[in-house]
Amino acid sequence: MSDTLLDKNKIWQQIDDEKENMLQLWQKLVNVDCGSGNKAGVDFIAQKIEAILKTLGFATTQVEFEKAGNTLVGKIGDTSKDFIVLLGHMDTVFKDGTVAERPFKIVYGKAYGGSLR
């Protein structure tokens, strides 16, 4: 068996082992009203993600904004060499109250939240 296949199998096993923890995290994150205009919600998401990154060894910084949600920057390893950048956003397009209307749930093995209609 090739090393690549072994690595993939190991990754899939780790994902399977962490499935319940991942689903709990997704539920915590999805069940927060964090629309673009909800600074408190976006900042809450940033704090949760920052805590996770720190446990993984990342150095983190939050760029604070007065009216908009903060930006989170995480770095790990030697960034003076070639590196990978992962970008994402922590806000949604949904108005406050959407979480109460459409909370996180799993339907037929698929996770949904906010956008499930």
PDB file of N, CA and C in Angstrom:
ATOM      1  N   MET A   1       0.855  -1.185   0.000  1.00  0.00           N
ATOM      2  CA  MET A   1       0.000   0.000   0.000  1.00  0.00           C
ATOM      3  C   MET A   1       0.894   1.239   0.000  1.00  0.00           C
ATOM      4  N   SER A   2       0.528   2.236  -0.795  1.00  0.00           N
ATOM      5  CA  SER A   2       1.368   3.432  -0.904  1.00  0.00           C
ATOM      6  C   SER A   2       1.277   4.280   0.362  1.00  0.00           C
ATOM      7  N   ASP A   3       2.338   5.093   0.587  1.00  0.00           N
ATOM      8  CA  ASP A   3       2.350   6.003   1.738  1.00  0.00           C
ATOM      9  C   ASP A   3       1.203   7.002   1.660  1.00  0.00           C
ATOM     10  N   THR A   4       0.887   7.456   0.437  1.00  0.00           N
ATOM     11  CA  THR A   4      -0.194   8.419   0.260  1.00  0.00           C
ATOM     12  C   THR A   4      -1.525   7.826   0.706  1.00  0.00           C
ATOM     13  N   LEU A   5      -1.784   6.590   0.330  1.00  0.00           N
ATOM     14  CA  LEU A   5      -3.033   5.929   0.716  1.00  0.00           C
ATOM     15  C   LEU A   5      -3.084   5.738   2.231  1.00  0.00           C
ATOM     16  N   LEU A   6      -1.957   5.375   2.832  1.00  0.00           N
ATOM     17  CA  LEU A   6      -1.913   5.230   4.287  1.00  0.00           C
ATOM     18  C   LEU A   6      -2.205   6.559   4.968  1.00  0.00           C
ATOM     19  N   ASP A   7      -1.629   7.632   4.440  1.00  0.00           N
ATOM     20  CA  ASP A   7      -1.878   8.955   5.004  1.00  0.00           C
ATOM     21  C   ASP A   7      -3.361   9.318   4.894  1.00  0.00           C
ATOM     22  N   LYS A   8      -3.957   9.043   3.741  1.00  0.00           N
ATOM     23  CA  LYS A   8      -5.376   9.345   3.558  1.00  0.00           C
ATOM     24  C   LYS A   8      -6.224   8.527   4.521  1.00  0.00           C
ATOM     25  N   ASN A   9      -5.896   7.244   4.666  1.00  0.00           N
ATOM     26  CA  ASN A   9      -6.650   6.404   5.584  1.00  0.00           C
ATOM     27  C   ASN A   9      -6.522   6.895   7.019  1.00  0.00           C
ATOM     28  N   LYS A  10      -5.341   7.339   7.385  1.00  0.00           N
ATOM     29  CA  LYS A  10      -5.122   7.871   8.725  1.00  0.00           C
ATOM     30  C   LYS A  10      -5.952   9.135   8.947  1.00  0.00           C
ATOM     31  N   ILE A  11      -5.983   9.997   7.948  1.00  0.00           N
ATOM     32  CA  ILE A  11      -6.774  11.230   8.039  1.00  0.00           C
ATOM     33  C   ILE A  11      -8.255  10.898   8.181  1.00  0.00           C
ATOM     34  N   TRP A  12      -8.758   9.975   7.349  1.00  0.00           N
ATOM     35  CA  TRP A  12     -10.174   9.602   7.442  1.00  0.00           C
ATOM     36  C   TRP A  12     -10.486   9.010   8.811  1.00  0.00           C
ATOM     37  N   GLN A  13      -9.565   8.230   9.364  1.00  0.00           N
ATOM     38  CA  GLN A  13      -9.783   7.650  10.688  1.00  0.00           C
ATOM     39  C   GLN A  13      -9.841   8.742  11.756  1.00  0.00           C
ATOM     40  N   GLN A  14      -8.956   9.736  11.650  1.00  0.00           N
ATOM     41  CA  GLN A  14      -8.980  10.847  12.603  1.00  0.00           C
ATOM     42  C   GLN A  14     -10.301  11.619  12.512  1.00  0.00           C
ATOM     43  N   ILE A  15     -10.780  11.814  11.300  1.00  0.00           N
ATOM     44  CA  ILE A  15     -12.055  12.499  11.120  1.00  0.00           C
ATOM     45  C   ILE A  15     -13.178  11.685  11.764  1.00  0.00           C
ATOM     46  N   ASP A  16     -13.193  10.394  11.510  1.00  0.00           N
ATOM     47  CA  ASP A  16     -14.213   9.537  12.118  1.00  0.00           C
ATOM     48  C   ASP A  16     -14.130   9.577  13.637  1.00  0.00           C
ATOM     49  N   ASP A  17     -12.909   9.556  14.166  1.00  0.00           N
ATOM     50  CA  ASP A  17     -12.722   9.575  15.624  1.00  0.00           C
ATOM     51  C   ASP A  17     -13.216  10.873  16.254  1.00  0.00           C
ATOM     52  N   GLU A  18     -13.146  11.970  15.499  1.00  0.00           N
ATOM     53  CA  GLU A  18     -13.522  13.286  16.022  1.00  0.00           C
ATOM     54  C   GLU A  18     -14.909  13.749  15.581  1.00  0.00           C
ATOM     55  N   LYS A  19     -15.660  12.876  14.928  1.00  0.00           N
ATOM     56  CA  LYS A  19     -16.946  13.270  14.345  1.00  0.00           C
ATOM     57  C   LYS A  19     -17.877  13.933  15.363  1.00  0.00           C
ATOM     58  N   GLU A  20     -18.077  13.330  16.510  1.00  0.00           N
ATOM     59  CA  GLU A  20     -19.005  13.892  17.495  1.00  0.00           C
ATOM     60  C   GLU A  20     -18.524  15.246  17.998  1.00  0.00           C
ATOM     61  N   ASN A  21     -17.221  15.371  18.248  1.00  0.00           N
ATOM     62  CA  ASN A  21     -16.678  16.660  18.683  1.00  0.00           C
ATOM     63  C   ASN A  21     -16.857  17.726  17.607  1.00  0.00           C
ATOM     64  N   MET A  22     -16.633  17.349  16.340  1.00  0.00           N
ATOM     65  CA  MET A  22     -16.807  18.303  15.244  1.00  0.00           C
ATOM     66  C   MET A  22     -18.258  18.747  15.140  1.00  0.00           C
ATOM     67  N   LEU A  23     -19.184  17.794  15.246  1.00  0.00           N
ATOM     68  CA  LEU A  23     -20.599  18.155  15.151  1.00  0.00           C
ATOM     69  C   LEU A  23     -21.017  19.075  16.291  1.00  0.00           C
ATOM     70  N   GLN A  24     -20.505  18.825  17.485  1.00  0.00           N
ATOM     71  CA  GLN A  24     -20.811  19.707  18.623  1.00  0.00           C
ATOM     72  C   GLN A  24     -20.261  21.115  18.382  1.00  0.00           C
ATOM     73  N   LEU A  25     -19.048  21.194  17.841  1.00  0.00           N
ATOM     74  CA  LEU A  25     -18.466  22.501  17.532  1.00  0.00           C
ATOM     75  C   LEU A  25     -19.288  23.210  16.469  1.00  0.00           C
ATOM     76  N   TRP A  26     -19.637  22.510  15.411  1.00  0.00           N
ATOM     77  CA  TRP A  26     -20.447  23.111  14.356  1.00  0.00           C
ATOM     78  C   TRP A  26     -21.747  23.649  14.939  1.00  0.00           C
ATOM     79  N   GLN A  27     -22.377  22.870  15.812  1.00  0.00           N
ATOM     80  CA  GLN A  27     -23.633  23.311  16.405  1.00  0.00           C
ATOM     81  C   GLN A  27     -23.434  24.596  17.207  1.00  0.00           C
ATOM     82  N   LYS A  28     -22.361  24.650  18.002  1.00  0.00           N
ATOM     83  CA  LYS A  28     -22.074  25.869  18.776  1.00  0.00           C
ATOM     84  C   LYS A  28     -21.891  27.079  17.863  1.00  0.00           C
ATOM     85  N   LEU A  29     -21.141  26.897  16.780  1.00  0.00           N
ATOM     86  CA  LEU A  29     -20.848  28.002  15.878  1.00  0.00           C
ATOM     87  C   LEU A  29     -22.060  28.406  15.039  1.00  0.00           C
ATOM     88  N   VAL A  30     -22.763  27.423  14.517  1.00  0.00           N
ATOM     89  CA  VAL A  30     -23.909  27.708  13.651  1.00  0.00           C
ATOM     90  C   VAL A  30     -25.044  28.352  14.439  1.00  0.00           C
ATOM     91  N   ASN A  31     -25.188  28.001  15.700  1.00  0.00           N
ATOM     92  CA  ASN A  31     -26.298  28.517  16.503  1.00  0.00           C
ATOM     93  C   ASN A  31     -25.974  29.855  17.162  1.00  0.00           C
ATOM     94  N   VAL A  32     -25.201  30.681  16.457  1.00  0.00           N
ATOM     95  CA  VAL A  32     -24.902  32.039  16.911  1.00  0.00           C
ATOM     96  C   VAL A  32     -25.345  32.994  15.809  1.00  0.00           C
ATOM     97  N   ASP A  33     -26.210  33.932  16.159  1.00  0.00           N
ATOM     98  CA  ASP A  33     -26.546  34.976  15.200  1.00  0.00           C
ATOM     99  C   ASP A  33     -25.296  35.833  15.008  1.00  0.00           C
ATOM    100  N   CYS A  34     -24.745  35.794  13.802  1.00  0.00           N
ATOM    101  CA  CYS A  34     -23.502  36.520  13.536  1.00  0.00           C
ATOM    102  C   CYS A  34     -23.521  37.118  12.137  1.00  0.00           C
ATOM    103  N   GLY A  35     -24.635  37.783  11.845  1.00  0.00           N
ATOM    104  CA  GLY A  35     -24.735  38.488  10.570  1.00  0.00           C
ATOM    105  C   GLY A  35     -23.687  39.589  10.490  1.00  0.00           C
ATOM    106  N   SER A  36     -23.471  40.090   9.307  1.00  0.00           N
ATOM    107  CA  SER A  36     -22.426  41.095   9.090  1.00  0.00           C
ATOM    108  C   SER A  36     -22.539  42.288  10.022  1.00  0.00           C
ATOM    109  N   GLY A  37     -23.751  42.676  10.393  1.00  0.00           N
ATOM    110  CA  GLY A  37     -23.949  43.822  11.274  1.00  0.00           C
ATOM    111  C   GLY A  37     -23.966  43.480  12.756  1.00  0.00           C
ATOM    112  N   ASN A  38     -23.754  42.210  13.107  1.00  0.00           N
ATOM    113  CA  ASN A  38     -23.803  41.775  14.498  1.00  0.00           C
ATOM    114  C   ASN A  38     -22.383  41.602  15.032  1.00  0.00           C
ATOM    115  N   LYS A  39     -21.778  42.701  15.478  1.00  0.00           N
ATOM    116  CA  LYS A  39     -20.400  42.677  15.959  1.00  0.00           C
ATOM    117  C   LYS A  39     -20.212  41.680  17.094  1.00  0.00           C
ATOM    118  N   ALA A  40     -21.122  41.666  18.049  1.00  0.00           N
ATOM    119  CA  ALA A  40     -20.992  40.774  19.207  1.00  0.00           C
ATOM    120  C   ALA A  40     -20.975  39.309  18.762  1.00  0.00           C
ATOM    121  N   GLY A  41     -21.836  38.958  17.800  1.00  0.00           N
ATOM    122  CA  GLY A  41     -21.878  37.581  17.313  1.00  0.00           C
ATOM    123  C   GLY A  41     -20.609  37.186  16.589  1.00  0.00           C
ATOM    124  N   VAL A  42     -20.133  38.052  15.709  1.00  0.00           N
ATOM    125  CA  VAL A  42     -18.903  37.758  14.965  1.00  0.00           C
ATOM    126  C   VAL A  42     -17.719  37.682  15.925  1.00  0.00           C
ATOM    127  N   ASP A  43     -17.662  38.578  16.893  1.00  0.00           N
ATOM    128  CA  ASP A  43     -16.574  38.549  17.873  1.00  0.00           C
ATOM    129  C   ASP A  43     -16.605  37.265  18.705  1.00  0.00           C
ATOM    130  N   PHE A  44     -17.801  36.782  19.035  1.00  0.00           N
ATOM    131  CA  PHE A  44     -17.944  35.528  19.771  1.00  0.00           C
ATOM    132  C   PHE A  44     -17.374  34.371  18.954  1.00  0.00           C
ATOM    133  N   ILE A  45     -17.705  34.325  17.673  1.00  0.00           N
ATOM    134  CA  ILE A  45     -17.180  33.281  16.786  1.00  0.00           C
ATOM    135  C   ILE A  45     -15.652  33.368  16.730  1.00  0.00           C
ATOM    136  N   ALA A  46     -15.122  34.580  16.617  1.00  0.00           N
ATOM    137  CA  ALA A  46     -13.663  34.773  16.578  1.00  0.00           C
ATOM    138  C   ALA A  46     -13.014  34.224  17.844  1.00  0.00           C
ATOM    139  N   GLN A  47     -13.620  34.463  18.985  1.00  0.00           N
ATOM    140  CA  GLN A  47     -13.059  33.959  20.254  1.00  0.00           C
ATOM    141  C   GLN A  47     -13.054  32.439  20.285  1.00  0.00           C
ATOM    142  N   LYS A  48     -14.130  31.810  19.828  1.00  0.00           N
ATOM    143  CA  LYS A  48     -14.209  30.345  19.818  1.00  0.00           C
ATOM    144  C   LYS A  48     -13.159  29.750  18.877  1.00  0.00           C
ATOM    145  N   ILE A  49     -13.035  30.323  17.683  1.00  0.00           N
ATOM    146  CA  ILE A  49     -12.059  29.804  16.724  1.00  0.00           C
ATOM    147  C   ILE A  49     -10.637  30.068  17.211  1.00  0.00           C
ATOM    148  N   GLU A  50     -10.417  31.222  17.815  1.00  0.00           N
ATOM    149  CA  GLU A  50      -9.093  31.534  18.353  1.00  0.00           C
ATOM    150  C   GLU A  50      -8.684  30.507  19.404  1.00  0.00           C
ATOM    151  N   ALA A  51      -9.595  30.125  20.283  1.00  0.00           N
ATOM    152  CA  ALA A  51      -9.283  29.132  21.317  1.00  0.00           C
ATOM    153  C   ALA A  51      -8.876  27.800  20.692  1.00  0.00           C
ATOM    154  N   ILE A  52      -9.560  27.410  19.629  1.00  0.00           N
ATOM    155  CA  ILE A  52      -9.223  26.161  18.939  1.00  0.00           C
ATOM    156  C   ILE A  52      -7.838  26.259  18.306  1.00  0.00           C
ATOM    157  N   LEU A  53      -7.580  27.359  17.616  1.00  0.00           N
ATOM    158  CA  LEU A  53      -6.275  27.530  16.968  1.00  0.00           C
ATOM    159  C   LEU A  53      -5.140  27.500  17.988  1.00  0.00           C
ATOM    160  N   LYS A  54      -5.357  28.129  19.136  1.00  0.00           N
ATOM    161  CA  LYS A  54      -4.317  28.138  20.164  1.00  0.00           C
ATOM    162  C   LYS A  54      -4.011  26.724  20.665  1.00  0.00           C
ATOM    163  N   THR A  55      -5.043  25.883  20.811  1.00  0.00           N
ATOM    164  CA  THR A  55      -4.791  24.508  21.259  1.00  0.00           C
ATOM    165  C   THR A  55      -4.009  23.717  20.218  1.00  0.00           C
ATOM    166  N   LEU A  56      -4.068  24.158  18.965  1.00  0.00           N
ATOM    167  CA  LEU A  56      -3.336  23.497  17.885  1.00  0.00           C
ATOM    168  C   LEU A  56      -1.933  24.076  17.684  1.00  0.00           C
ATOM    169  N   GLY A  57      -1.574  25.061  18.514  1.00  0.00           N
ATOM    170  CA  GLY A  57      -0.229  25.625  18.440  1.00  0.00           C
ATOM    171  C   GLY A  57      -0.096  26.889  17.615  1.00  0.00           C
ATOM    172  N   PHE A  58      -1.184  27.463  17.183  1.00  0.00           N
ATOM    173  CA  PHE A  58      -1.133  28.693  16.411  1.00  0.00           C
ATOM    174  C   PHE A  58      -0.876  29.894  17.314  1.00  0.00           C
ATOM    175  N   ALA A  59      -0.142  30.860  16.793  1.00  0.00           N
ATOM    176  CA  ALA A  59      -0.050  32.181  17.409  1.00  0.00           C
ATOM    177  C   ALA A  59      -1.191  32.979  16.798  1.00  0.00           C
ATOM    178  N   THR A  60      -1.983  33.634  17.631  1.00  0.00           N
ATOM    179  CA  THR A  60      -3.157  34.334  17.115  1.00  0.00           C
ATOM    180  C   THR A  60      -3.134  35.809  17.478  1.00  0.00           C
ATOM    181  N   THR A  61      -3.793  36.580  16.641  1.00  0.00           N
ATOM    182  CA  THR A  61      -3.979  38.006  16.867  1.00  0.00           C
ATOM    183  C   THR A  61      -5.384  38.352  16.402  1.00  0.00           C
ATOM    184  N   GLN A  62      -6.055  39.196  17.162  1.00  0.00           N
ATOM    185  CA  GLN A  62      -7.337  39.720  16.701  1.00  0.00           C
ATOM    186  C   GLN A  62      -7.162  41.190  16.364  1.00  0.00           C
ATOM    187  N   VAL A  63      -7.585  41.547  15.162  1.00  0.00           N
ATOM    188  CA  VAL A  63      -7.600  42.937  14.743  1.00  0.00           C
ATOM    189  C   VAL A  63      -8.984  43.455  15.107  1.00  0.00           C
ATOM    190  N   GLU A  64      -9.020  44.413  16.022  1.00  0.00           N
ATOM    191  CA  GLU A  64     -10.303  44.878  16.544  1.00  0.00           C
ATOM    192  C   GLU A  64     -10.858  46.043  15.733  1.00  0.00           C
ATOM    193  N   PHE A  65     -12.157  46.011  15.555  1.00  0.00           N
ATOM    194  CA  PHE A  65     -12.879  47.069  14.866  1.00  0.00           C
ATOM    195  C   PHE A  65     -13.978  47.587  15.778  1.00  0.00           C
ATOM    196  N   GLU A  66     -14.246  48.854  15.677  1.00  0.00           N
ATOM    197  CA  GLU A  66     -15.252  49.464  16.548  1.00  0.00           C
ATOM    198  C   GLU A  66     -16.668  49.019  16.191  1.00  0.00           C
ATOM    199  N   LYS A  67     -16.979  48.996  14.908  1.00  0.00           N
ATOM    200  CA  LYS A  67     -18.361  48.729  14.501  1.00  0.00           C
ATOM    201  C   LYS A  67     -18.552  47.391  13.793  1.00  0.00           C
ATOM    202  N   ALA A  68     -17.495  46.835  13.273  1.00  0.00           N
ATOM    203  CA  ALA A  68     -17.580  45.551  12.568  1.00  0.00           C
ATOM    204  C   ALA A  68     -16.945  44.461  13.422  1.00  0.00           C
ATOM    205  N   GLY A  69     -17.282  43.223  13.107  1.00  0.00           N
ATOM    206  CA  GLY A  69     -16.679  42.108  13.821  1.00  0.00           C
ATOM    207  C   GLY A  69     -15.176  42.084  13.640  1.00  0.00           C
ATOM    208  N   ASN A  70     -14.480  41.622  14.661  1.00  0.00           N
ATOM    209  CA  ASN A  70     -13.023  41.567  14.624  1.00  0.00           C
ATOM    210  C   ASN A  70     -12.536  40.559  13.586  1.00  0.00           C
ATOM    211  N   THR A  71     -11.309  40.733  13.153  1.00  0.00           N
ATOM    212  CA  THR A  71     -10.649  39.808  12.247  1.00  0.00           C
ATOM    213  C   THR A  71      -9.674  38.968  13.054  1.00  0.00           C
ATOM    214  N   LEU A  72      -9.620  37.688  12.767  1.00  0.00           N
ATOM    215  CA  LEU A  72      -8.727  36.770  13.473  1.00  0.00           C
ATOM    216  C   LEU A  72      -7.620  36.323  12.531  1.00  0.00           C
ATOM    217  N   VAL A  73      -6.391  36.421  13.002  1.00  0.00           N
ATOM    218  CA  VAL A  73      -5.229  35.967  12.240  1.00  0.00           C
ATOM    219  C   VAL A  73      -4.546  34.888  13.055  1.00  0.00           C
ATOM    220  N   GLY A  74      -4.281  33.752  12.438  1.00  0.00           N
ATOM    221  CA  GLY A  74      -3.562  32.666  13.099  1.00  0.00           C
ATOM    222  C   GLY A  74      -2.360  32.269  12.265  1.00  0.00           C
ATOM    223  N   LYS A  75      -1.226  32.091  12.927  1.00  0.00           N
ATOM    224  CA  LYS A  75       0.002  31.685  12.229  1.00  0.00           C
ATOM    225  C   LYS A  75       0.610  30.500  12.967  1.00  0.00           C
ATOM    226  N   ILE A  76       1.193  29.593  12.178  1.00  0.00           N
ATOM    227  CA  ILE A  76       1.883  28.456  12.763  1.00  0.00           C
ATOM    228  C   ILE A  76       3.081  28.128  11.878  1.00  0.00           C
ATOM    229  N   GLY A  77       4.157  27.766  12.482  1.00  0.00           N
ATOM    230  CA  GLY A  77       5.341  27.394  11.718  1.00  0.00           C
ATOM    231  C   GLY A  77       6.131  28.596  11.236  1.00  0.00           C
ATOM    232  N   ASP A  78       7.052  28.321  10.349  1.00  0.00           N
ATOM    233  CA  ASP A  78       7.972  29.326   9.825  1.00  0.00           C
ATOM    234  C   ASP A  78       7.378  29.968   8.576  1.00  0.00           C
ATOM    235  N   THR A  79       6.810  31.141   8.725  1.00  0.00           N
ATOM    236  CA  THR A  79       6.170  31.807   7.586  1.00  0.00           C
ATOM    237  C   THR A  79       7.166  32.554   6.707  1.00  0.00           C
ATOM    238  N   SER A  80       8.470  32.461   7.022  1.00  0.00           N
ATOM    239  CA  SER A  80       9.473  33.055   6.136  1.00  0.00           C
ATOM    240  C   SER A  80       9.746  32.124   4.948  1.00  0.00           C
ATOM    241  N   LYS A  81       9.269  30.890   5.024  1.00  0.00           N
ATOM    242  CA  LYS A  81       9.395  29.922   3.938  1.00  0.00           C
ATOM    243  C   LYS A  81       8.040  29.824   3.231  1.00  0.00           C
ATOM    244  N   ASP A  82       7.978  29.013   2.193  1.00  0.00           N
ATOM    245  CA  ASP A  82       6.698  28.790   1.521  1.00  0.00           C
ATOM    246  C   ASP A  82       5.670  28.332   2.550  1.00  0.00           C
ATOM    247  N   PHE A  83       4.444  28.856   2.456  1.00  0.00           N
ATOM    248  CA  PHE A  83       3.406  28.479   3.397  1.00  0.00           C
ATOM    249  C   PHE A  83       2.048  28.529   2.723  1.00  0.00           C
ATOM    250  N   ILE A  84       1.075  28.001   3.404  1.00  0.00           N
ATOM    251  CA  ILE A  84      -0.297  27.960   2.906  1.00  0.00           C
ATOM    252  C   ILE A  84      -1.126  28.951   3.710  1.00  0.00           C
ATOM    253  N   VAL A  85      -2.006  29.665   3.031  1.00  0.00           N
ATOM    254  CA  VAL A  85      -2.910  30.609   3.683  1.00  0.00           C
ATOM    255  C   VAL A  85      -4.331  30.064   3.551  1.00  0.00           C
ATOM    256  N   LEU A  86      -5.023  29.960   4.661  1.00  0.00           N
ATOM    257  CA  LEU A  86      -6.432  29.584   4.661  1.00  0.00           C
ATOM    258  C   LEU A  86      -7.234  30.819   5.040  1.00  0.00           C
ATOM    259  N   LEU A  87      -8.192  31.170   4.227  1.00  0.00           N
ATOM    260  CA  LEU A  87      -9.008  32.355   4.481  1.00  0.00           C
ATOM    261  C   LEU A  87     -10.463  31.949   4.649  1.00  0.00           C
ATOM    262  N   GLY A  88     -11.160  32.678   5.466  1.00  0.00           N
ATOM    263  CA  GLY A  88     -12.578  32.428   5.639  1.00  0.00           C
ATOM    264  C   GLY A  88     -13.226  33.648   6.251  1.00  0.00           C
ATOM    265  N   HIS A  89     -14.500  33.562   6.462  1.00  0.00           N
ATOM    266  CA  HIS A  89     -15.193  34.661   7.129  1.00  0.00           C
ATOM    267  C   HIS A  89     -16.039  34.084   8.255  1.00  0.00           C
ATOM    268  N   MET A  90     -16.362  34.927   9.218  1.00  0.00           N
ATOM    269  CA  MET A  90     -17.089  34.465  10.397  1.00  0.00           C
ATOM    270  C   MET A  90     -18.487  35.059  10.474  1.00  0.00           C
ATOM    271  N   ASP A  91     -18.846  35.893   9.509  1.00  0.00           N
ATOM    272  CA  ASP A  91     -20.187  36.466   9.500  1.00  0.00           C
ATOM    273  C   ASP A  91     -21.064  35.707   8.519  1.00  0.00           C
ATOM    274  N   THR A  92     -22.365  35.923   8.645  1.00  0.00           N
ATOM    275  CA  THR A  92     -23.323  35.321   7.731  1.00  0.00           C
ATOM    276  C   THR A  92     -24.140  36.440   7.089  1.00  0.00           C
ATOM    277  N   VAL A  93     -25.005  36.071   6.188  1.00  0.00           N
ATOM    278  CA  VAL A  93     -25.887  37.057   5.567  1.00  0.00           C
ATOM    279  C   VAL A  93     -27.238  37.112   6.277  1.00  0.00           C
ATOM    280  N   PHE A  94     -27.391  36.340   7.330  1.00  0.00           N
ATOM    281  CA  PHE A  94     -28.697  36.196   7.960  1.00  0.00           C
ATOM    282  C   PHE A  94     -28.935  37.240   9.041  1.00  0.00           C
ATOM    283  N   LYS A  95     -30.178  37.679   9.129  1.00  0.00           N
ATOM    284  CA  LYS A  95     -30.571  38.672  10.130  1.00  0.00           C
ATOM    285  C   LYS A  95     -30.616  38.030  11.516  1.00  0.00           C
ATOM    286  N   ASP A  96     -30.515  38.870  12.548  1.00  0.00           N
ATOM    287  CA  ASP A  96     -30.643  38.373  13.913  1.00  0.00           C
ATOM    288  C   ASP A  96     -31.987  37.672  14.063  1.00  0.00           C
ATOM    289  N   GLY A  97     -31.987  36.571  14.764  1.00  0.00           N
ATOM    290  CA  GLY A  97     -33.194  35.782  14.968  1.00  0.00           C
ATOM    291  C   GLY A  97     -33.272  34.571  14.059  1.00  0.00           C
ATOM    292  N   THR A  98     -32.423  34.496  13.055  1.00  0.00           N
ATOM    293  CA  THR A  98     -32.446  33.365  12.127  1.00  0.00           C
ATOM    294  C   THR A  98     -32.113  32.059  12.836  1.00  0.00           C
ATOM    295  N   VAL A  99     -31.203  32.110  13.782  1.00  0.00           N
ATOM    296  CA  VAL A  99     -30.831  30.891  14.505  1.00  0.00           C
ATOM    297  C   VAL A  99     -32.047  30.283  15.198  1.00  0.00           C
ATOM    298  N   ALA A 100     -32.877  31.125  15.800  1.00  0.00           N
ATOM    299  CA  ALA A 100     -34.076  30.620  16.474  1.00  0.00           C
ATOM    300  C   ALA A 100     -35.046  29.992  15.468  1.00  0.00           C
ATOM    301  N   GLU A 101     -35.106  30.574  14.271  1.00  0.00           N
ATOM    302  CA  GLU A 101     -36.000  30.059  13.229  1.00  0.00           C
ATOM    303  C   GLU A 101     -35.464  28.790  12.583  1.00  0.00           C
ATOM    304  N   ARG A 102     -34.136  28.741  12.394  1.00  0.00           N
ATOM    305  CA  ARG A 102     -33.525  27.621  11.671  1.00  0.00           C
ATOM    306  C   ARG A 102     -32.229  27.197  12.363  1.00  0.00           C
ATOM    307  N   PRO A 103     -32.343  26.545  13.515  1.00  0.00           N
ATOM    308  CA  PRO A 103     -31.136  26.143  14.242  1.00  0.00           C
ATOM    309  C   PRO A 103     -30.407  24.985  13.550  1.00  0.00           C
ATOM    310  N   PHE A 104     -29.217  24.727  14.013  1.00  0.00           N
ATOM    311  CA  PHE A 104     -28.412  23.606  13.520  1.00  0.00           C
ATOM    312  C   PHE A 104     -29.197  22.314  13.695  1.00  0.00           C
ATOM    313  N   LYS A 105     -29.156  21.477  12.676  1.00  0.00           N
ATOM    314  CA  LYS A 105     -29.752  20.150  12.803  1.00  0.00           C
ATOM    315  C   LYS A 105     -29.153  19.230  11.757  1.00  0.00           C
ATOM    316  N   ILE A 106     -29.339  17.961  11.983  1.00  0.00           N
ATOM    317  CA  ILE A 106     -28.864  16.950  11.046  1.00  0.00           C
ATOM    318  C   ILE A 106     -30.093  16.252  10.478  1.00  0.00           C
ATOM    319  N   VAL A 107     -30.172  16.239   9.154  1.00  0.00           N
ATOM    320  CA  VAL A 107     -31.286  15.614   8.452  1.00  0.00           C
ATOM    321  C   VAL A 107     -30.708  14.589   7.480  1.00  0.00           C
ATOM    322  N   TYR A 108     -31.072  13.341   7.659  1.00  0.00           N
ATOM    323  CA  TYR A 108     -30.588  12.256   6.792  1.00  0.00           C
ATOM    324  C   TYR A 108     -29.066  12.286   6.652  1.00  0.00           C
ATOM    325  N   GLY A 109     -28.393  12.514   7.768  1.00  0.00           N
ATOM    326  CA  GLY A 109     -26.936  12.474   7.779  1.00  0.00           C
ATOM    327  C   GLY A 109     -26.229  13.713   7.299  1.00  0.00           C
ATOM    328  N   LYS A 110     -26.975  14.770   6.970  1.00  0.00           N
ATOM    329  CA  LYS A 110     -26.365  16.036   6.526  1.00  0.00           C
ATOM    330  C   LYS A 110     -26.628  17.115   7.561  1.00  0.00           C
ATOM    331  N   ALA A 111     -25.598  17.911   7.837  1.00  0.00           N
ATOM    332  CA  ALA A 111     -25.716  18.998   8.811  1.00  0.00           C
ATOM    333  C   ALA A 111     -26.199  20.261   8.118  1.00  0.00           C
ATOM    334  N   TYR A 112     -27.165  20.930   8.751  1.00  0.00           N
ATOM    335  CA  TYR A 112     -27.729  22.168   8.223  1.00  0.00           C
ATOM    336  C   TYR A 112     -27.831  23.199   9.347  1.00  0.00           C
ATOM    337  N   GLY A 113     -27.895  24.446   8.974  1.00  0.00           N
ATOM    338  CA  GLY A 113     -28.158  25.525   9.914  1.00  0.00           C
ATOM    339  C   GLY A 113     -28.235  26.840   9.189  1.00  0.00           C
ATOM    340  N   GLY A 114     -29.157  27.682   9.618  1.00  0.00           N
ATOM    341  CA  GLY A 114     -29.287  29.009   9.031  1.00  0.00           C
ATOM    342  C   GLY A 114     -29.926  28.996   7.661  1.00  0.00           C
ATOM    343  N   SER A 115     -29.375  28.271   6.713  1.00  0.00           N
ATOM    344  CA  SER A 115     -29.873  28.354   5.342  1.00  0.00           C
ATOM    345  C   SER A 115     -30.895  27.266   5.009  1.00  0.00           C
ATOM    346  N   LEU A 116     -31.127  26.336   5.919  1.00  0.00           N
ATOM    347  CA  LEU A 116     -32.112  25.281   5.643  1.00  0.00           C
ATOM    348  C   LEU A 116     -33.503  25.895   5.614  1.00  0.00           C
ATOM    349  N   ARG A 117     -34.215  25.667   4.570  1.00  0.00           N
ATOM    350  CA  ARG A 117     -35.564  26.273   4.436  1.00  0.00           C
ATOM    351  C   ARG A 117     -36.611  25.196   4.432  1.00  0.00           C
TER     352      ARG A 117
END
